[in-house]
Amino acid sequence: MKKSQTDMTLLVQARAAAIDLDLSDRCLPSVLTNTELLGHYADLLNRHVFSDECEPAFEYVP
């Protein structure tokens, strides 16, 4: 289930408070945008089937 914008804002603020991070109102929109982007990346990884026989990637080279 997709979280509402209000839910995401409260979640990000709670996470920041939990680690004693001062998250200003000016920075909040960018943090929310980045959180959404990282959530999409996590979804992509969760949908991919990784073989147990794949070698680990020790270094990323584009």
PDB file of N, CA and C in Angstrom:
ATOM      1  N   MET A   1       0.835  -1.170   0.000  1.00  0.00           N
ATOM      2  CA  MET A   1       0.000   0.000   0.000  1.00  0.00           C
ATOM      3  C   MET A   1       0.889   1.246   0.000  1.00  0.00           C
ATOM      4  N   LYS A   2       0.578   2.187  -0.866  1.00  0.00           N
ATOM      5  CA  LYS A   2       1.349   3.424  -0.964  1.00  0.00           C
ATOM      6  C   LYS A   2       0.951   4.364   0.170  1.00  0.00           C
ATOM      7  N   LYS A   3       1.948   4.935   0.810  1.00  0.00           N
ATOM      8  CA  LYS A   3       1.702   5.861   1.910  1.00  0.00           C
ATOM      9  C   LYS A   3       1.330   7.233   1.354  1.00  0.00           C
ATOM     10  N   SER A   4       0.471   7.947   2.071  1.00  0.00           N
ATOM     11  CA  SER A   4       0.114   9.299   1.661  1.00  0.00           C
ATOM     12  C   SER A   4       1.293  10.238   1.916  1.00  0.00           C
ATOM     13  N   GLN A   5       1.245  11.404   1.316  1.00  0.00           N
ATOM     14  CA  GLN A   5       2.315  12.394   1.493  1.00  0.00           C
ATOM     15  C   GLN A   5       2.436  12.776   2.965  1.00  0.00           C
ATOM     16  N   THR A   6       1.295  12.908   3.646  1.00  0.00           N
ATOM     17  CA  THR A   6       1.312  13.243   5.072  1.00  0.00           C
ATOM     18  C   THR A   6       1.972  12.137   5.875  1.00  0.00           C
ATOM     19  N   ASP A   7       1.634  10.881   5.558  1.00  0.00           N
ATOM     20  CA  ASP A   7       2.246   9.744   6.252  1.00  0.00           C
ATOM     21  C   ASP A   7       3.755   9.721   6.034  1.00  0.00           C
ATOM     22  N   MET A   8       4.191   9.966   4.791  1.00  0.00           N
ATOM     23  CA  MET A   8       5.626   9.958   4.494  1.00  0.00           C
ATOM     24  C   MET A   8       6.337  11.091   5.243  1.00  0.00           C
ATOM     25  N   THR A   9       5.708  12.254   5.295  1.00  0.00           N
ATOM     26  CA  THR A   9       6.294  13.382   6.015  1.00  0.00           C
ATOM     27  C   THR A   9       6.466  13.037   7.487  1.00  0.00           C
ATOM     28  N   LEU A  10       5.424  12.479   8.091  1.00  0.00           N
ATOM     29  CA  LEU A  10       5.501  12.105   9.506  1.00  0.00           C
ATOM     30  C   LEU A  10       6.545  11.022   9.735  1.00  0.00           C
ATOM     31  N   LEU A  11       6.638  10.074   8.815  1.00  0.00           N
ATOM     32  CA  LEU A  11       7.615   8.997   8.946  1.00  0.00           C
ATOM     33  C   LEU A  11       9.043   9.539   8.861  1.00  0.00           C
ATOM     34  N   VAL A  12       9.306  10.401   7.897  1.00  0.00           N
ATOM     35  CA  VAL A  12      10.641  10.992   7.746  1.00  0.00           C
ATOM     36  C   VAL A  12      10.985  11.834   8.977  1.00  0.00           C
ATOM     37  N   GLN A  13      10.032  12.611   9.458  1.00  0.00           N
ATOM     38  CA  GLN A  13      10.286  13.428  10.643  1.00  0.00           C
ATOM     39  C   GLN A  13      10.549  12.554  11.871  1.00  0.00           C
ATOM     40  N   ALA A  14       9.823  11.457  12.001  1.00  0.00           N
ATOM     41  CA  ALA A  14      10.033  10.545  13.132  1.00  0.00           C
ATOM     42  C   ALA A  14      11.404   9.882  13.050  1.00  0.00           C
ATOM     43  N   ARG A  15      11.798   9.484  11.843  1.00  0.00           N
ATOM     44  CA  ARG A  15      13.125   8.870  11.674  1.00  0.00           C
ATOM     45  C   ARG A  15      14.228   9.868  12.008  1.00  0.00           C
ATOM     46  N   ALA A  16      14.062  11.103  11.573  1.00  0.00           N
ATOM     47  CA  ALA A  16      15.056  12.139  11.877  1.00  0.00           C
ATOM     48  C   ALA A  16      15.134  12.373  13.387  1.00  0.00           C
ATOM     49  N   ALA A  17      13.990  12.439  14.034  1.00  0.00           N
ATOM     50  CA  ALA A  17      13.971  12.653  15.484  1.00  0.00           C
ATOM     51  C   ALA A  17      14.611  11.479  16.219  1.00  0.00           C
ATOM     52  N   ALA A  18      14.400  10.268  15.715  1.00  0.00           N
ATOM     53  CA  ALA A  18      14.933   9.070  16.368  1.00  0.00           C
ATOM     54  C   ALA A  18      16.457   9.060  16.394  1.00  0.00           C
ATOM     55  N   ILE A  19      17.071   9.704  15.401  1.00  0.00           N
ATOM     56  CA  ILE A  19      18.542   9.744  15.372  1.00  0.00           C
ATOM     57  C   ILE A  19      19.064  11.136  15.726  1.00  0.00           C
ATOM     58  N   ASP A  20      18.170  11.949  16.319  1.00  0.00           N
ATOM     59  CA  ASP A  20      18.527  13.290  16.780  1.00  0.00           C
ATOM     60  C   ASP A  20      19.085  14.152  15.649  1.00  0.00           C
ATOM     61  N   LEU A  21      18.444  14.065  14.480  1.00  0.00           N
ATOM     62  CA  LEU A  21      18.848  14.838  13.305  1.00  0.00           C
ATOM     63  C   LEU A  21      17.933  16.045  13.168  1.00  0.00           C
ATOM     64  N   ASP A  22      18.510  17.217  13.076  1.00  0.00           N
ATOM     65  CA  ASP A  22      17.736  18.440  12.892  1.00  0.00           C
ATOM     66  C   ASP A  22      17.376  18.557  11.410  1.00  0.00           C
ATOM     67  N   LEU A  23      16.131  18.291  11.082  1.00  0.00           N
ATOM     68  CA  LEU A  23      15.658  18.331   9.694  1.00  0.00           C
ATOM     69  C   LEU A  23      14.816  19.588   9.512  1.00  0.00           C
ATOM     70  N   SER A  24      15.382  20.582   8.855  1.00  0.00           N
ATOM     71  CA  SER A  24      14.686  21.861   8.693  1.00  0.00           C
ATOM     72  C   SER A  24      13.548  21.736   7.688  1.00  0.00           C
ATOM     73  N   ASP A  25      12.578  22.628   7.821  1.00  0.00           N
ATOM     74  CA  ASP A  25      11.445  22.654   6.892  1.00  0.00           C
ATOM     75  C   ASP A  25      11.915  22.917   5.464  1.00  0.00           C
ATOM     76  N   ARG A  26      13.004  23.652   5.323  1.00  0.00           N
ATOM     77  CA  ARG A  26      13.546  23.963   3.995  1.00  0.00           C
ATOM     78  C   ARG A  26      14.070  22.708   3.299  1.00  0.00           C
ATOM     79  N   CYS A  27      14.617  21.763   4.078  1.00  0.00           N
ATOM     80  CA  CYS A  27      15.204  20.541   3.512  1.00  0.00           C
ATOM     81  C   CYS A  27      14.190  19.414   3.325  1.00  0.00           C
ATOM     82  N   LEU A  28      13.081  19.493   4.033  1.00  0.00           N
ATOM     83  CA  LEU A  28      12.115  18.394   4.041  1.00  0.00           C
ATOM     84  C   LEU A  28      11.628  17.974   2.650  1.00  0.00           C
ATOM     85  N   PRO A  29      11.260  18.893   1.752  1.00  0.00           N
ATOM     86  CA  PRO A  29      10.787  18.457   0.430  1.00  0.00           C
ATOM     87  C   PRO A  29      11.814  17.615  -0.334  1.00  0.00           C
ATOM     88  N   SER A  30      13.077  18.001  -0.272  1.00  0.00           N
ATOM     89  CA  SER A  30      14.115  17.234  -0.971  1.00  0.00           C
ATOM     90  C   SER A  30      14.334  15.873  -0.326  1.00  0.00           C
ATOM     91  N   VAL A  31      14.261  15.820   0.993  1.00  0.00           N
ATOM     92  CA  VAL A  31      14.408  14.542   1.692  1.00  0.00           C
ATOM     93  C   VAL A  31      13.253  13.612   1.319  1.00  0.00           C
ATOM     94  N   LEU A  32      12.051  14.151   1.230  1.00  0.00           N
ATOM     95  CA  LEU A  32      10.891  13.341   0.835  1.00  0.00           C
ATOM     96  C   LEU A  32      11.039  12.829  -0.598  1.00  0.00           C
ATOM     97  N   THR A  33      11.510  13.677  -1.498  1.00  0.00           N
ATOM     98  CA  THR A  33      11.730  13.267  -2.887  1.00  0.00           C
ATOM     99  C   THR A  33      12.767  12.154  -2.959  1.00  0.00           C
ATOM    100  N   ASN A  34      13.860  12.305  -2.222  1.00  0.00           N
ATOM    101  CA  ASN A  34      14.910  11.291  -2.217  1.00  0.00           C
ATOM    102  C   ASN A  34      14.410   9.986  -1.592  1.00  0.00           C
ATOM    103  N   THR A  35      13.613  10.085  -0.539  1.00  0.00           N
ATOM    104  CA  THR A  35      13.048   8.897   0.105  1.00  0.00           C
ATOM    105  C   THR A  35      12.169   8.123  -0.874  1.00  0.00           C
ATOM    106  N   GLU A  36      11.366   8.839  -1.650  1.00  0.00           N
ATOM    107  CA  GLU A  36      10.513   8.188  -2.648  1.00  0.00           C
ATOM    108  C   GLU A  36      11.358   7.510  -3.729  1.00  0.00           C
ATOM    109  N   LEU A  37      12.401   8.193  -4.202  1.00  0.00           N
ATOM    110  CA  LEU A  37      13.290   7.630  -5.218  1.00  0.00           C
ATOM    111  C   LEU A  37      13.965   6.356  -4.705  1.00  0.00           C
ATOM    112  N   LEU A  38      14.486   6.404  -3.488  1.00  0.00           N
ATOM    113  CA  LEU A  38      15.136   5.226  -2.913  1.00  0.00           C
ATOM    114  C   LEU A  38      14.142   4.086  -2.716  1.00  0.00           C
ATOM    115  N   GLY A  39      12.896   4.419  -2.419  1.00  0.00           N
ATOM    116  CA  GLY A  39      11.854   3.397  -2.309  1.00  0.00           C
ATOM    117  C   GLY A  39      11.626   2.692  -3.633  1.00  0.00           C
ATOM    118  N   HIS A  40      11.684   3.446  -4.737  1.00  0.00           N
ATOM    119  CA  HIS A  40      11.544   2.837  -6.069  1.00  0.00           C
ATOM    120  C   HIS A  40      12.716   1.900  -6.364  1.00  0.00           C
ATOM    121  N   TYR A  41      13.923   2.323  -5.995  1.00  0.00           N
ATOM    122  CA  TYR A  41      15.094   1.452  -6.184  1.00  0.00           C
ATOM    123  C   TYR A  41      14.948   0.169  -5.368  1.00  0.00           C
ATOM    124  N   ALA A  42      14.480   0.294  -4.141  1.00  0.00           N
ATOM    125  CA  ALA A  42      14.285  -0.885  -3.287  1.00  0.00           C
ATOM    126  C   ALA A  42      13.249  -1.822  -3.903  1.00  0.00           C
ATOM    127  N   ASP A  43      12.177  -1.265  -4.459  1.00  0.00           N
ATOM    128  CA  ASP A  43      11.160  -2.088  -5.125  1.00  0.00           C
ATOM    129  C   ASP A  43      11.753  -2.850  -6.306  1.00  0.00           C
ATOM    130  N   LEU A  44      12.594  -2.179  -7.097  1.00  0.00           N
ATOM    131  CA  LEU A  44      13.240  -2.845  -8.233  1.00  0.00           C
ATOM    132  C   LEU A  44      14.088  -4.021  -7.766  1.00  0.00           C
ATOM    133  N   LEU A  45      14.867  -3.806  -6.724  1.00  0.00           N
ATOM    134  CA  LEU A  45      15.717  -4.883  -6.204  1.00  0.00           C
ATOM    135  C   LEU A  45      14.892  -6.021  -5.621  1.00  0.00           C
ATOM    136  N   ASN A  46      13.813  -5.689  -4.949  1.00  0.00           N
ATOM    137  CA  ASN A  46      12.971  -6.725  -4.346  1.00  0.00           C
ATOM    138  C   ASN A  46      12.260  -7.578  -5.389  1.00  0.00           C
ATOM    139  N   ARG A  47      12.008  -7.020  -6.571  1.00  0.00           N
ATOM    140  CA  ARG A  47      11.334  -7.779  -7.630  1.00  0.00           C
ATOM    141  C   ARG A  47      12.294  -8.643  -8.436  1.00  0.00           C
ATOM    142  N   HIS A  48      13.583  -8.368  -8.343  1.00  0.00           N
ATOM    143  CA  HIS A  48      14.576  -9.102  -9.121  1.00  0.00           C
ATOM    144  C   HIS A  48      14.955 -10.395  -8.407  1.00  0.00           C
ATOM    145  N   VAL A  49      15.056 -11.471  -9.174  1.00  0.00           N
ATOM    146  CA  VAL A  49      15.476 -12.751  -8.611  1.00  0.00           C
ATOM    147  C   VAL A  49      16.988 -12.870  -8.781  1.00  0.00           C
ATOM    148  N   PHE A  50      17.687 -12.941  -7.675  1.00  0.00           N
ATOM    149  CA  PHE A  50      19.138 -13.074  -7.697  1.00  0.00           C
ATOM    150  C   PHE A  50      19.514 -14.533  -7.484  1.00  0.00           C
ATOM    151  N   SER A  51      20.403 -15.028  -8.309  1.00  0.00           N
ATOM    152  CA  SER A  51      20.876 -16.399  -8.194  1.00  0.00           C
ATOM    153  C   SER A  51      21.884 -16.499  -7.057  1.00  0.00           C
ATOM    154  N   ASP A  52      21.860 -17.614  -6.354  1.00  0.00           N
ATOM    155  CA  ASP A  52      22.844 -17.851  -5.294  1.00  0.00           C
ATOM    156  C   ASP A  52      24.238 -18.079  -5.866  1.00  0.00           C
ATOM    157  N   GLU A  53      24.320 -18.280  -7.178  1.00  0.00           N
ATOM    158  CA  GLU A  53      25.597 -18.582  -7.810  1.00  0.00           C
ATOM    159  C   GLU A  53      26.264 -17.354  -8.423  1.00  0.00           C
ATOM    160  N   CYS A  54      25.640 -16.193  -8.324  1.00  0.00           N
ATOM    161  CA  CYS A  54      26.223 -14.960  -8.869  1.00  0.00           C
ATOM    162  C   CYS A  54      27.387 -14.503  -8.004  1.00  0.00           C
ATOM    163  N   GLU A  55      28.425 -14.037  -8.675  1.00  0.00           N
ATOM    164  CA  GLU A  55      29.565 -13.473  -7.960  1.00  0.00           C
ATOM    165  C   GLU A  55      29.162 -12.119  -7.371  1.00  0.00           C
ATOM    166  N   PRO A  56      29.650 -11.786  -6.187  1.00  0.00           N
ATOM    167  CA  PRO A  56      29.332 -10.480  -5.610  1.00  0.00           C
ATOM    168  C   PRO A  56      30.020  -9.361  -6.385  1.00  0.00           C
ATOM    169  N   ALA A  57      29.383  -8.221  -6.424  1.00  0.00           N
ATOM    170  CA  ALA A  57      29.964  -7.044  -7.072  1.00  0.00           C
ATOM    171  C   ALA A  57      30.674  -6.222  -6.009  1.00  0.00           C
ATOM    172  N   PHE A  58      31.991  -6.262  -6.026  1.00  0.00           N
ATOM    173  CA  PHE A  58      32.754  -5.553  -5.004  1.00  0.00           C
ATOM    174  C   PHE A  58      32.906  -4.079  -5.326  1.00  0.00           C
ATOM    175  N   GLU A  59      32.734  -3.724  -6.571  1.00  0.00           N
ATOM    176  CA  GLU A  59      32.965  -2.352  -6.978  1.00  0.00           C
ATOM    177  C   GLU A  59      32.065  -2.050  -8.166  1.00  0.00           C
ATOM    178  N   TYR A  60      31.444  -0.867  -8.144  1.00  0.00           N
ATOM    179  CA  TYR A  60      30.590  -0.456  -9.249  1.00  0.00           C
ATOM    180  C   TYR A  60      31.413   0.339 -10.252  1.00  0.00           C
ATOM    181  N   VAL A  61      31.388  -0.090 -11.497  1.00  0.00           N
ATOM    182  CA  VAL A  61      32.059   0.633 -12.567  1.00  0.00           C
ATOM    183  C   VAL A  61      31.031   0.844 -13.671  1.00  0.00           C
ATOM    184  N   PRO A  62      30.605   2.101 -13.877  1.00  0.00           N
ATOM    185  CA  PRO A  62      29.574   2.349 -14.905  1.00  0.00           C
ATOM    186  C   PRO A  62      30.096   2.117 -16.308  1.00  0.00           C
TER     187      PRO A  62
END
